[in-house]
Amino acid sequence: MKKLLVLVAFLAGLVFISNSMVIAVEVNKDIKAEPNVVIKFKDKAQLKDFQDIFLERERALERINVLQGYISMDGAYLQELDKQMKDKFKFTFDRYKLYDIDMDAMEITEQGFMPQQYNVKGNFIQDDKNK
């Protein structure tokens, strides 16, 4: 089942990339007929270096698209689980808090707020609850 989901997410990413490329080509057709040269390479070695970086960039974009597929699927699944939790137990998790399940006492306790998160650039993530 997981392999099928990975395949579906991967194919969705490929469709997204190919559709984006088709749209870009159609837009460029309307602008002008002659292509604009943006880089002229000195030799084949320089072209090869560019190609290596370009292919790595394309692979990274493909991985991002696959991960976005997972995020979408898991986000929808998380919403469903939260709905079940609310319907069945009248409980809603606060995404800013930590919780602990004590199986012996048969209770859930709040353990305070989550540590402040950092974004990719190293800045603190700011939102209404943590400001």
Protein backbone atom coordinates (compact mmCIF):
# COMPACT_ATOMS: atom_id res chain seq x y z
CA MET A 1 0.00 0.00 0.00
CA LYS A 2 2.83 2.42 0.86
CA LYS A 3 4.52 1.69 -2.46
CA LEU A 4 1.30 2.55 -4.26
CA LEU A 5 1.00 5.85 -2.37
CA VAL A 6 4.62 6.70 -3.17
CA LEU A 7 4.01 5.91 -6.83
CA VAL A 8 0.84 8.03 -6.92
CA ALA A 9 2.60 10.96 -5.23
CA PHE A 10 5.57 10.66 -7.57
CA LEU A 11 3.36 10.58 -10.65
CA ALA A 12 1.39 13.57 -9.39
CA GLY A 13 4.68 15.45 -9.06
CA LEU A 14 5.68 14.54 -12.59
CA VAL A 15 2.32 15.66 -13.95
CA PHE A 16 2.69 18.95 -12.07
CA ILE A 17 6.18 19.53 -13.50
CA SER A 18 5.17 18.61 -17.05
CA ASN A 19 2.06 20.82 -16.89
CA SER A 20 4.17 23.72 -15.62
CA MET A 21 6.59 23.26 -18.51
CA VAL A 22 3.75 23.20 -21.07
CA ILE A 23 2.27 26.38 -19.61
CA ALA A 24 5.68 28.06 -19.71
CA VAL A 25 6.16 27.10 -23.37
CA GLU A 26 2.72 28.41 -24.30
CA VAL A 27 3.38 31.70 -22.52
CA ASN A 28 6.77 32.09 -24.21
CA LYS A 29 5.22 31.49 -27.67
CA ASP A 30 3.13 34.61 -27.25
CA ILE A 31 6.05 36.79 -26.17
CA LYS A 32 8.46 36.38 -29.10
CA ALA A 33 9.44 33.82 -31.70
CA GLU A 34 13.23 34.00 -31.22
CA PRO A 35 14.69 32.61 -27.96
CA ASN A 36 16.74 34.87 -25.73
CA VAL A 37 20.21 33.45 -24.94
CA VAL A 38 20.74 33.87 -21.20
CA ILE A 39 24.05 31.98 -20.83
CA LYS A 40 26.79 31.30 -23.33
CA PHE A 41 29.25 28.63 -22.18
CA LYS A 42 33.01 28.92 -22.80
CA ASP A 43 33.56 25.19 -23.25
CA LYS A 44 32.03 21.75 -22.77
CA ALA A 45 33.46 21.47 -19.25
CA GLN A 46 31.55 24.58 -18.16
CA LEU A 47 28.41 23.26 -19.88
CA LYS A 48 28.84 19.93 -18.05
CA ASP A 49 29.18 21.73 -14.70
CA PHE A 50 25.97 23.63 -15.40
CA GLN A 51 24.20 20.44 -16.48
CA ASP A 52 25.21 18.66 -13.26
CA ILE A 53 23.82 21.46 -11.11
CA PHE A 54 20.69 21.76 -13.23
CA LEU A 55 19.96 18.02 -12.96
CA GLU A 56 20.44 18.10 -9.17
CA ARG A 57 18.02 21.03 -9.05
CA GLU A 58 15.45 19.07 -11.05
CA ARG A 59 15.84 16.07 -8.74
CA ALA A 60 15.31 18.33 -5.73
CA LEU A 61 12.13 19.73 -7.32
CA GLU A 62 10.87 16.20 -7.94
CA ARG A 63 11.50 15.26 -4.29
CA ILE A 64 9.71 18.42 -3.14
CA ASN A 65 6.69 17.53 -5.26
CA VAL A 66 6.60 14.02 -3.82
CA LEU A 67 6.87 15.39 -0.28
CA GLN A 68 4.09 17.89 -0.99
CA GLY A 69 1.93 14.95 -2.04
CA TYR A 70 2.66 13.24 1.27
CA ILE A 71 1.94 16.46 3.18
CA SER A 72 -1.43 16.80 1.45
CA MET A 73 -2.38 13.17 2.14
CA ASP A 74 -1.17 13.24 5.75
CA GLY A 75 -2.77 16.65 6.36
CA ALA A 76 -6.15 15.32 5.27
CA TYR A 77 -5.64 12.19 7.38
CA LEU A 78 -4.67 14.29 10.40
CA GLN A 79 -7.84 16.36 10.03
CA GLU A 80 -9.88 13.16 9.97
CA LEU A 81 -8.14 11.86 13.11
CA ASP A 82 -8.71 15.19 14.88
CA LYS A 83 -12.39 15.01 13.94
CA GLN A 84 -12.63 11.47 15.33
CA MET A 85 -10.93 12.61 18.56
CA LYS A 86 -13.33 15.53 18.91
CA ASP A 87 -16.44 13.47 18.10
CA LYS A 88 -15.54 10.50 20.27
CA PHE A 89 -13.79 12.15 23.23
CA LYS A 90 -14.79 15.83 22.97
CA PHE A 91 -11.09 16.69 22.94
CA THR A 92 -9.09 18.90 20.60
CA PHE A 93 -5.31 18.95 20.66
CA ASP A 94 -3.67 22.34 20.96
CA ARG A 95 -0.88 22.19 18.39
CA TYR A 96 1.29 24.43 20.55
CA LYS A 97 1.26 22.14 23.59
CA LEU A 98 2.96 18.88 24.53
CA TYR A 99 0.91 16.03 25.97
CA ASP A 100 1.70 12.87 27.90
CA ILE A 101 -0.44 9.75 28.15
CA ASP A 102 -0.25 8.07 31.56
CA MET A 103 -1.49 4.53 30.98
CA ASP A 104 -1.51 3.63 34.71
CA ALA A 105 -3.54 6.67 35.76
CA MET A 106 -5.52 6.46 32.49
CA GLU A 107 -5.21 10.17 31.80
CA ILE A 108 -3.63 12.67 29.45
CA THR A 109 -1.73 15.58 30.94
CA GLU A 110 -0.51 18.79 29.37
CA GLN A 111 3.25 19.14 29.60
CA GLY A 112 3.49 22.81 28.65
CA PHE A 113 4.17 24.51 25.38
CA MET A 114 6.29 23.08 22.60
CA PRO A 115 9.81 24.48 22.30
CA GLN A 116 9.94 27.41 19.92
CA GLN A 117 10.41 26.22 16.35
CA TYR A 118 12.88 27.56 13.81
CA ASN A 119 12.20 27.92 10.13
CA VAL A 120 14.69 26.88 7.44
CA LYS A 121 16.44 30.27 7.45
CA GLY A 122 17.09 30.05 11.20
CA ASN A 123 14.46 32.60 12.21
CA PHE A 124 11.95 31.91 14.94
CA ILE A 125 8.56 30.87 13.64
CA GLN A 126 6.10 33.47 14.83
CA ASP A 127 2.39 33.00 15.11
CA ASP A 128 -0.45 34.28 17.27
CA LYS A 129 0.10 31.93 20.22
CA ASN A 130 3.90 32.32 20.51
CA LYS A 131 4.24 36.09 20.00
